[in-house]
Amino acid sequence: MATETDTRLAVDRFEWVDPTLAGFCAVSLALAFAGTLVQVSFGTYTMTLGTAWGAVFDPAVWLRLDVLATLLLGDGLAGSLGFETEYDLAKDTLVVWTIRMPRVLVAALVGLSLALSGAIFQAVTKNELASPFILGVSSGAGLAILLTLVAFPTLSTLLPVTAAVGGTLAFLVVYAIAWKGGTSPVRLVLAGVIVGTVLNSLQTALFFFAGDVGTVQQAVAWTTGSLTGVDWEQVRMLLPWVVLVVLPGTALGARQLNVLLLGESTASALGMRVERTRFLLSGVGIVAAAASVAVAGIVGFVGLIVPHMVRTVVGTDHKRLLVGCAFAGPALVVVADTVARLFFPVVVGSPTQLPVGIVTGLVGGPYFLYLMRKRQQLGEL
């Protein structure tokens, strides 16, 4: 009897998972896998799709703990824990796992983080125009990173922390400017645009204080959002924040996000400490956006358009919305980065690679205009 009751409770707990959500996640996962397959197949060293897919699932990687530990932890930490850091892999497997797969993994983690961050900010501010990019969080994180690279290069290992600080300060400034006995969607967007413009101007000004050309090029890559040259170091930098902060924070905050949309008075009547909850959830969104900016730069529009796209398919319940964003965000950025990396080599025959932020901007801009034309009222959730 107890077993039947437990089973019934478990089923009820996941009653929000329906065929629509499952199908949406399956399509997103298929797109991400397709983008991954194309990414790992083409490059200076080209291989067939079958060979590339065989390298992705090579048992020499998946069944050897030493290899996985070295990739995920790095030679130093893996060696100190007793893992063997020297190993032999087939050439195809070596190319895929040391050069191409890290870029795919970073793209997926960045897409997941930005999509969840956008969904959180839209609920916290009750504003469907909100996103890390529009609210100035990405610009604040980017300015903090550029300041670190130009003025304090020895602190480059702390980029996620400095990005989080910069994003937090930027969001607080936006909220303070928009506050007037409360906030409104229009005031938050206008304040975000103003603060973002100022911070972007400061980013440009920092270029003149960078004496090293390499630093300037690296800084430009941050401002446009680029995954060129990322490796396992960036995966190791971003993964802990996603696993330890972003995913648990969004999972625990889904119900609170739903309650916040009912209005402050209703939320308070239900026993919620509104300001504290809003602050904690905003912290999760800031960490998600800042960690992404720290490894990939400012990849615009992902946090804005992904929650919109998911909301139109699965609805407004944040249990469903956040799960949908966790699948759609990686799919969008993986596919966008595939286009960014291969468009010029395949179409023009040039080795030039586009920053992924340009591709997401080309997708996000027209979609944003489409929303403005389609909907009579756009702003408040």
Protein backbone atom coordinates (compact mmCIF):
# COMPACT_ATOMS: atom_id res chain seq x y z
CA MET A 1 0.00 0.00 0.00
CA ALA A 2 2.80 2.37 0.89
CA THR A 3 4.49 1.52 -2.38
CA GLU A 4 1.37 2.39 -4.38
CA THR A 5 1.04 5.68 -2.50
CA ASP A 6 4.69 6.56 -3.13
CA THR A 7 4.29 5.72 -6.80
CA ARG A 8 1.18 7.88 -7.08
CA LEU A 9 2.95 10.80 -5.39
CA ALA A 10 5.93 10.46 -7.73
CA VAL A 11 3.60 10.49 -10.75
CA ASP A 12 1.72 13.53 -9.45
CA ARG A 13 4.99 15.34 -8.83
CA PHE A 14 5.83 15.15 -12.54
CA GLU A 15 2.34 15.63 -13.92
CA TRP A 16 3.50 18.85 -15.59
CA VAL A 17 5.59 16.78 -18.03
CA ASP A 18 3.35 16.19 -21.05
CA PRO A 19 3.86 15.11 -24.69
CA THR A 20 4.19 18.73 -25.84
CA LEU A 21 7.12 19.43 -23.50
CA ALA A 22 8.70 16.05 -24.20
CA GLY A 23 8.40 16.56 -27.95
CA PHE A 24 9.84 20.08 -27.76
CA CYS A 25 12.81 18.85 -25.73
CA ALA A 26 13.34 15.95 -28.15
CA VAL A 27 13.40 18.30 -31.16
CA SER A 28 15.81 20.66 -29.38
CA LEU A 29 18.06 17.74 -28.46
CA ALA A 30 18.03 16.51 -32.06
CA LEU A 31 19.05 19.96 -33.33
CA ALA A 32 21.87 20.11 -30.78
CA PHE A 33 23.09 16.65 -31.80
CA ALA A 34 22.93 17.59 -35.48
CA GLY A 35 24.94 20.76 -34.83
CA THR A 36 27.43 18.75 -32.78
CA LEU A 37 27.87 16.19 -35.55
CA VAL A 38 28.54 18.91 -38.13
CA GLN A 39 30.89 20.76 -35.77
CA VAL A 40 33.09 17.76 -35.05
CA SER A 41 33.14 16.57 -38.67
CA PHE A 42 34.45 19.63 -40.48
CA GLY A 43 37.58 21.68 -40.09
CA THR A 44 41.20 21.69 -41.20
CA TYR A 45 41.20 17.96 -40.56
CA THR A 46 37.98 16.76 -42.22
CA MET A 47 36.40 13.37 -41.52
CA THR A 48 33.20 11.65 -42.56
CA LEU A 49 30.08 11.96 -40.43
CA GLY A 50 30.31 8.30 -39.47
CA THR A 51 33.94 8.62 -38.45
CA ALA A 52 33.21 11.75 -36.44
CA TRP A 53 30.27 10.14 -34.66
CA GLY A 54 32.39 7.09 -33.92
CA ALA A 55 35.03 9.35 -32.39
CA VAL A 56 32.41 11.09 -30.23
CA PHE A 57 31.30 7.76 -28.75
CA ASP A 58 34.75 6.14 -28.76
CA PRO A 59 34.91 3.62 -25.85
CA ALA A 60 38.56 4.62 -25.40
CA VAL A 61 37.20 7.87 -23.93
CA TRP A 62 33.93 6.85 -22.28
CA LEU A 63 35.21 3.67 -20.63
CA ARG A 64 38.49 5.11 -19.33
CA LEU A 65 38.11 7.11 -16.14
CA ASP A 66 41.64 8.49 -16.45
CA VAL A 67 40.81 10.14 -19.79
CA LEU A 68 37.52 11.62 -18.57
CA ALA A 69 39.11 12.88 -15.35
CA THR A 70 41.98 14.52 -17.24
CA LEU A 71 39.60 16.27 -19.64
CA LEU A 72 37.17 17.49 -16.97
CA LEU A 73 39.64 18.26 -14.17
CA GLY A 74 42.83 19.18 -16.02
CA ASP A 75 46.25 17.54 -15.85
CA GLY A 76 47.22 19.11 -12.54
CA LEU A 77 44.14 18.26 -10.49
CA ALA A 78 43.62 14.87 -12.12
CA GLY A 79 47.28 13.95 -11.48
CA SER A 80 47.09 15.05 -7.86
CA LEU A 81 44.05 12.78 -7.39
CA GLY A 82 46.00 9.79 -8.69
CA PHE A 83 44.67 9.62 -12.25
CA GLU A 84 46.98 8.79 -15.14
CA THR A 85 47.19 11.92 -17.32
CA GLU A 86 49.14 10.38 -20.20
CA TYR A 87 47.06 8.36 -22.65
CA ASP A 88 47.00 7.35 -26.32
CA LEU A 89 43.96 7.94 -28.50
CA ALA A 90 43.29 7.43 -32.21
CA LYS A 91 43.93 10.51 -34.33
CA ASP A 92 40.25 11.08 -35.13
CA THR A 93 39.30 10.73 -31.46
CA LEU A 94 42.11 13.04 -30.39
CA VAL A 95 41.03 15.77 -32.83
CA VAL A 96 37.38 15.51 -31.81
CA TRP A 97 37.88 15.38 -28.05
CA THR A 98 40.74 17.83 -27.58
CA ILE A 99 39.82 20.46 -30.17
CA ARG A 100 36.20 20.29 -31.33
CA MET A 101 34.12 18.82 -28.50
CA PRO A 102 35.16 21.50 -25.96
CA ARG A 103 33.73 24.16 -28.26
CA VAL A 104 30.43 22.28 -28.55
CA LEU A 105 30.24 21.79 -24.78
CA VAL A 106 30.94 25.47 -24.08
CA ALA A 107 28.30 26.48 -26.63
CA ALA A 108 25.74 24.18 -24.97
CA LEU A 109 26.56 25.44 -21.46
CA VAL A 110 26.44 29.07 -22.58
CA GLY A 111 23.10 28.55 -24.30
CA LEU A 112 21.65 26.81 -21.26
CA SER A 113 22.88 29.50 -18.85
CA LEU A 114 21.72 32.47 -20.91
CA ALA A 115 18.30 30.95 -21.64
CA LEU A 116 17.66 30.18 -17.97
CA SER A 117 18.97 33.60 -16.95
CA GLY A 118 16.58 35.30 -19.38
CA ALA A 119 13.61 33.27 -18.10
CA ILE A 120 14.47 34.18 -14.50
CA PHE A 121 14.83 37.90 -15.20
CA GLN A 122 11.59 38.01 -17.18
CA ALA A 123 9.71 36.50 -14.23
CA VAL A 124 11.49 38.48 -11.50
CA THR A 125 10.81 41.79 -13.25
CA LYS A 126 7.42 40.67 -14.66
CA ASN A 127 8.73 41.97 -17.96
CA GLU A 128 8.94 39.80 -21.07
CA LEU A 129 11.42 42.23 -22.59
CA ALA A 130 13.92 41.56 -19.83
CA SER A 131 17.13 39.64 -20.49
CA PRO A 132 20.75 39.76 -19.26
CA PHE A 133 21.64 41.67 -22.43
CA ILE A 134 18.88 44.29 -22.28
CA LEU A 135 19.03 44.79 -18.50
CA GLY A 136 22.73 45.61 -18.63
CA VAL A 137 23.94 42.51 -16.77
CA SER A 138 25.95 41.26 -19.75
CA SER A 139 27.45 44.72 -20.31
CA GLY A 140 28.41 45.00 -16.65
CA ALA A 141 30.00 41.57 -16.68
CA GLY A 142 31.80 42.40 -19.93
CA LEU A 143 33.18 45.66 -18.53
CA ALA A 144 34.46 43.85 -15.44
CA ILE A 145 36.19 41.27 -17.63
CA LEU A 146 37.79 43.89 -19.88
CA LEU A 147 38.96 45.83 -16.84
CA THR A 148 40.53 42.65 -15.48
CA LEU A 149 42.24 41.83 -18.78
CA VAL A 150 43.59 45.35 -19.29
CA ALA A 151 44.41 46.51 -15.76
CA PHE A 152 44.76 43.30 -13.73
CA PRO A 153 45.83 40.52 -16.13
CA THR A 154 47.23 38.44 -13.25
CA LEU A 155 43.63 37.95 -12.04
CA SER A 156 42.46 36.36 -15.31
CA THR A 157 41.78 33.07 -13.49
CA LEU A 158 39.05 34.87 -11.52
CA LEU A 159 37.08 35.98 -14.58
CA PRO A 160 33.79 34.30 -13.53
CA VAL A 161 33.97 36.03 -10.14
CA THR A 162 34.78 39.46 -11.57
CA ALA A 163 32.07 39.00 -14.21
CA ALA A 164 29.53 38.14 -11.50
CA VAL A 165 30.48 41.25 -9.52
CA GLY A 166 30.22 43.48 -12.60
CA GLY A 167 26.87 41.98 -13.64
CA THR A 168 25.47 42.36 -10.12
CA LEU A 169 26.47 46.01 -9.87
CA ALA A 170 25.02 46.76 -13.30
CA PHE A 171 21.69 45.14 -12.41
CA LEU A 172 21.50 47.03 -9.12
CA VAL A 173 22.09 50.32 -10.93
CA VAL A 174 19.37 49.50 -13.49
CA TYR A 175 16.91 48.57 -10.76
CA ALA A 176 17.71 51.73 -8.77
CA ILE A 177 17.19 53.95 -11.81
CA ALA A 178 13.89 52.23 -12.67
CA TRP A 179 12.56 52.32 -9.09
CA LYS A 180 9.93 54.91 -8.38
CA GLY A 181 7.66 53.48 -5.73
CA GLY A 182 7.96 50.27 -7.76
CA THR A 183 9.08 49.44 -11.26
CA SER A 184 7.40 49.05 -14.64
CA PRO A 185 8.42 47.11 -17.76
CA VAL A 186 9.06 50.30 -19.73
CA ARG A 187 11.23 51.90 -17.03
CA LEU A 188 13.30 48.74 -16.58
CA VAL A 189 13.96 48.43 -20.31
CA LEU A 190 14.83 52.11 -20.68
CA ALA A 191 17.11 51.99 -17.64
CA GLY A 192 18.77 48.85 -18.99
CA VAL A 193 19.35 50.45 -22.39
CA ILE A 194 20.85 53.56 -20.77
CA VAL A 195 23.13 51.67 -18.42
CA GLY A 196 24.13 49.23 -21.16
CA THR A 197 25.02 52.09 -23.51
CA VAL A 198 27.19 53.77 -20.86
CA LEU A 199 28.95 50.51 -19.99
CA ASN A 200 29.55 49.70 -23.66
CA SER A 201 31.11 53.14 -24.09
CA LEU A 202 33.40 52.46 -21.14
CA GLN A 203 34.36 49.14 -22.73
CA THR A 204 35.37 50.93 -25.92
CA ALA A 205 37.35 53.48 -23.90
CA LEU A 206 39.33 50.69 -22.23
CA PHE A 207 40.73 49.66 -25.61
CA PHE A 208 42.82 52.84 -25.65
CA PHE A 209 44.52 51.83 -22.39
CA ALA A 210 45.50 48.37 -23.62
CA GLY A 211 49.11 48.51 -24.77
CA ASP A 212 49.21 44.95 -26.08
CA VAL A 213 47.58 44.18 -29.44
CA GLY A 214 46.78 40.67 -28.29
CA THR A 215 44.87 42.02 -25.32
CA VAL A 216 42.86 44.30 -27.61
CA GLN A 217 42.00 41.39 -29.90
CA GLN A 218 40.98 39.30 -26.90
CA ALA A 219 38.86 42.18 -25.61
CA VAL A 220 37.13 42.60 -28.98
CA ALA A 221 36.30 38.88 -28.90
CA TRP A 222 34.61 39.36 -25.51
CA THR A 223 32.45 42.23 -26.75
CA THR A 224 31.20 40.36 -29.83
CA GLY A 225 30.71 36.95 -28.24
CA SER A 226 33.07 34.39 -29.71
CA LEU A 227 33.83 30.72 -29.11
CA THR A 228 36.92 30.68 -31.31
CA GLY A 229 39.82 29.02 -29.53
CA VAL A 230 37.90 27.76 -26.49
CA ASP A 231 39.12 24.49 -25.01
CA TRP A 232 38.68 22.32 -21.93
CA GLU A 233 39.89 25.16 -19.69
CA GLN A 234 36.72 27.12 -20.52
CA VAL A 235 34.59 24.00 -19.95
CA ARG A 236 36.16 23.57 -16.52
CA MET A 237 35.60 27.25 -15.79
CA LEU A 238 31.89 27.25 -16.64
CA LEU A 239 30.71 23.76 -15.69
CA PRO A 240 30.96 24.13 -11.87
CA TRP A 241 28.81 27.29 -11.91
CA VAL A 242 26.18 25.59 -14.04
CA VAL A 243 26.09 22.39 -11.98
CA LEU A 244 26.39 23.91 -8.51
CA VAL A 245 24.46 27.20 -8.87
CA VAL A 246 22.42 27.60 -12.06
CA LEU A 247 20.68 24.23 -12.32
CA PRO A 248 19.90 23.83 -8.58
CA GLY A 249 18.85 27.47 -8.33
CA THR A 250 16.40 27.27 -11.22
CA ALA A 251 15.04 23.89 -10.10
CA LEU A 252 14.38 25.18 -6.60
CA GLY A 253 13.06 28.53 -7.84
CA ALA A 254 10.52 27.37 -10.43
CA ARG A 255 7.60 27.46 -8.00
CA GLN A 256 8.67 30.84 -6.59
CA LEU A 257 8.83 32.28 -10.10
CA ASN A 258 5.25 31.17 -10.71
CA VAL A 259 4.12 32.81 -7.46
CA LEU A 260 5.92 36.07 -8.29
CA LEU A 261 3.87 36.39 -11.47
CA LEU A 262 0.70 36.51 -9.35
CA GLY A 263 1.73 39.92 -7.99
CA GLU A 264 3.50 41.07 -4.86
CA SER A 265 0.37 41.29 -2.70
CA THR A 266 -0.73 37.76 -3.60
CA ALA A 267 2.79 36.40 -3.14
CA SER A 268 3.03 38.03 0.30
CA ALA A 269 -0.38 36.66 1.26
CA LEU A 270 0.90 33.18 0.38
CA GLY A 271 3.77 33.65 2.82
CA MET A 272 6.54 34.57 0.39
CA ARG A 273 9.18 37.09 1.40
CA VAL A 274 9.02 38.83 -1.93
CA GLU A 275 12.10 41.04 -1.90
CA ARG A 276 14.32 38.31 -0.49
CA THR A 277 13.06 35.80 -3.07
CA ARG A 278 13.47 38.30 -5.90
CA PHE A 279 17.03 39.05 -4.77
CA LEU A 280 18.04 35.37 -4.51
CA LEU A 281 16.53 34.47 -7.89
CA SER A 282 18.16 37.50 -9.50
CA GLY A 283 21.45 36.27 -8.05
CA VAL A 284 21.02 32.96 -9.86
CA GLY A 285 20.27 34.80 -13.11
CA ILE A 286 23.30 37.05 -12.67
CA VAL A 287 25.64 34.12 -11.99
CA ALA A 288 24.32 32.30 -15.06
CA ALA A 289 24.83 35.32 -17.33
CA ALA A 290 28.18 36.34 -15.83
CA ALA A 291 29.69 32.86 -16.07
CA SER A 292 28.66 32.72 -19.72
CA VAL A 293 30.17 36.12 -20.45
CA ALA A 294 33.37 35.04 -18.72
CA VAL A 295 33.99 32.23 -21.22
CA ALA A 296 32.23 33.38 -24.39
CA GLY A 297 31.84 37.15 -24.17
CA ILE A 298 28.56 38.97 -24.77
CA VAL A 299 26.34 36.62 -26.79
CA GLY A 300 23.27 38.77 -27.31
CA PHE A 301 19.56 37.95 -27.64
CA VAL A 302 19.76 34.34 -26.40
CA GLY A 303 18.31 35.25 -23.01
CA LEU A 304 15.55 37.25 -24.70
CA ILE A 305 14.30 35.11 -27.55
CA VAL A 306 14.66 31.58 -26.12
CA PRO A 307 12.15 32.08 -23.23
CA HIS A 308 9.73 33.66 -25.73
CA MET A 309 10.03 30.76 -28.14
CA VAL A 310 9.63 28.18 -25.38
CA ARG A 311 6.71 30.03 -23.77
CA THR A 312 4.73 29.98 -27.02
CA VAL A 313 5.08 26.18 -27.20
CA VAL A 314 4.95 24.83 -23.64
CA GLY A 315 3.11 27.61 -21.78
CA THR A 316 3.93 29.90 -18.87
CA ASP A 317 4.35 27.38 -16.03
CA HIS A 318 7.98 27.85 -15.04
CA LYS A 319 8.52 24.17 -14.30
CA ARG A 320 7.85 23.54 -17.98
CA LEU A 321 9.35 26.79 -19.21
CA LEU A 322 12.70 26.31 -17.47
CA VAL A 323 13.03 22.72 -18.69
CA GLY A 324 12.25 23.85 -22.22
CA CYS A 325 14.83 26.64 -21.98
CA ALA A 326 17.43 24.17 -20.71
CA PHE A 327 17.05 22.25 -23.99
CA ALA A 328 16.33 25.07 -26.46
CA GLY A 329 19.16 27.35 -25.28
CA PRO A 330 21.95 24.82 -25.99
CA ALA A 331 20.34 23.90 -29.32
CA LEU A 332 20.25 27.53 -30.46
CA VAL A 333 23.85 28.37 -29.51
CA VAL A 334 25.30 25.08 -30.80
CA VAL A 335 23.59 25.55 -34.18
CA ALA A 336 24.48 29.27 -34.27
CA ASP A 337 28.12 28.51 -33.53
CA THR A 338 28.15 25.84 -36.23
CA VAL A 339 26.99 28.46 -38.72
CA ALA A 340 29.49 30.99 -37.33
CA ARG A 341 32.43 28.60 -37.66
CA LEU A 342 31.63 27.04 -41.02
CA PHE A 343 29.82 29.72 -43.06
CA PHE A 344 32.90 31.40 -44.55
CA PRO A 345 35.01 28.21 -44.96
CA VAL A 346 32.16 26.35 -46.71
CA VAL A 347 30.50 29.16 -48.70
CA VAL A 348 33.43 31.47 -49.48
CA GLY A 349 36.41 29.18 -48.97
CA SER A 350 37.96 31.53 -46.44
CA PRO A 351 39.27 30.39 -43.03
CA THR A 352 37.56 33.37 -41.36
CA GLN A 353 35.18 32.54 -38.52
CA LEU A 354 32.28 34.73 -37.43
CA PRO A 355 31.72 35.45 -33.74
CA VAL A 356 28.69 33.51 -32.55
CA GLY A 357 27.25 36.73 -31.10
CA ILE A 358 26.82 38.08 -34.63
CA VAL A 359 24.77 35.05 -35.66
CA THR A 360 22.53 35.17 -32.57
CA GLY A 361 22.08 38.89 -33.18
CA LEU A 362 21.03 38.27 -36.79
CA VAL A 363 18.48 35.75 -35.51
CA GLY A 364 17.36 37.66 -32.43
CA GLY A 365 16.92 41.08 -34.01
CA PRO A 366 14.33 40.05 -36.63
CA TYR A 367 12.56 37.83 -34.08
CA PHE A 368 12.29 40.75 -31.67
CA LEU A 369 10.83 42.93 -34.44
CA TYR A 370 8.40 40.11 -35.25
CA LEU A 371 7.21 40.12 -31.65
CA MET A 372 6.72 43.87 -31.72
CA ARG A 373 4.63 43.67 -34.91
CA LYS A 374 2.61 40.63 -33.86
CA ARG A 375 1.59 41.63 -30.36
CA GLN A 376 -0.48 44.64 -29.45
CA GLN A 377 0.97 44.86 -25.95
CA LEU A 378 4.56 43.81 -25.37
CA GLY A 379 6.31 44.23 -22.08
CA GLU A 380 4.50 43.23 -18.91
CA LEU A 381 4.02 39.55 -18.15
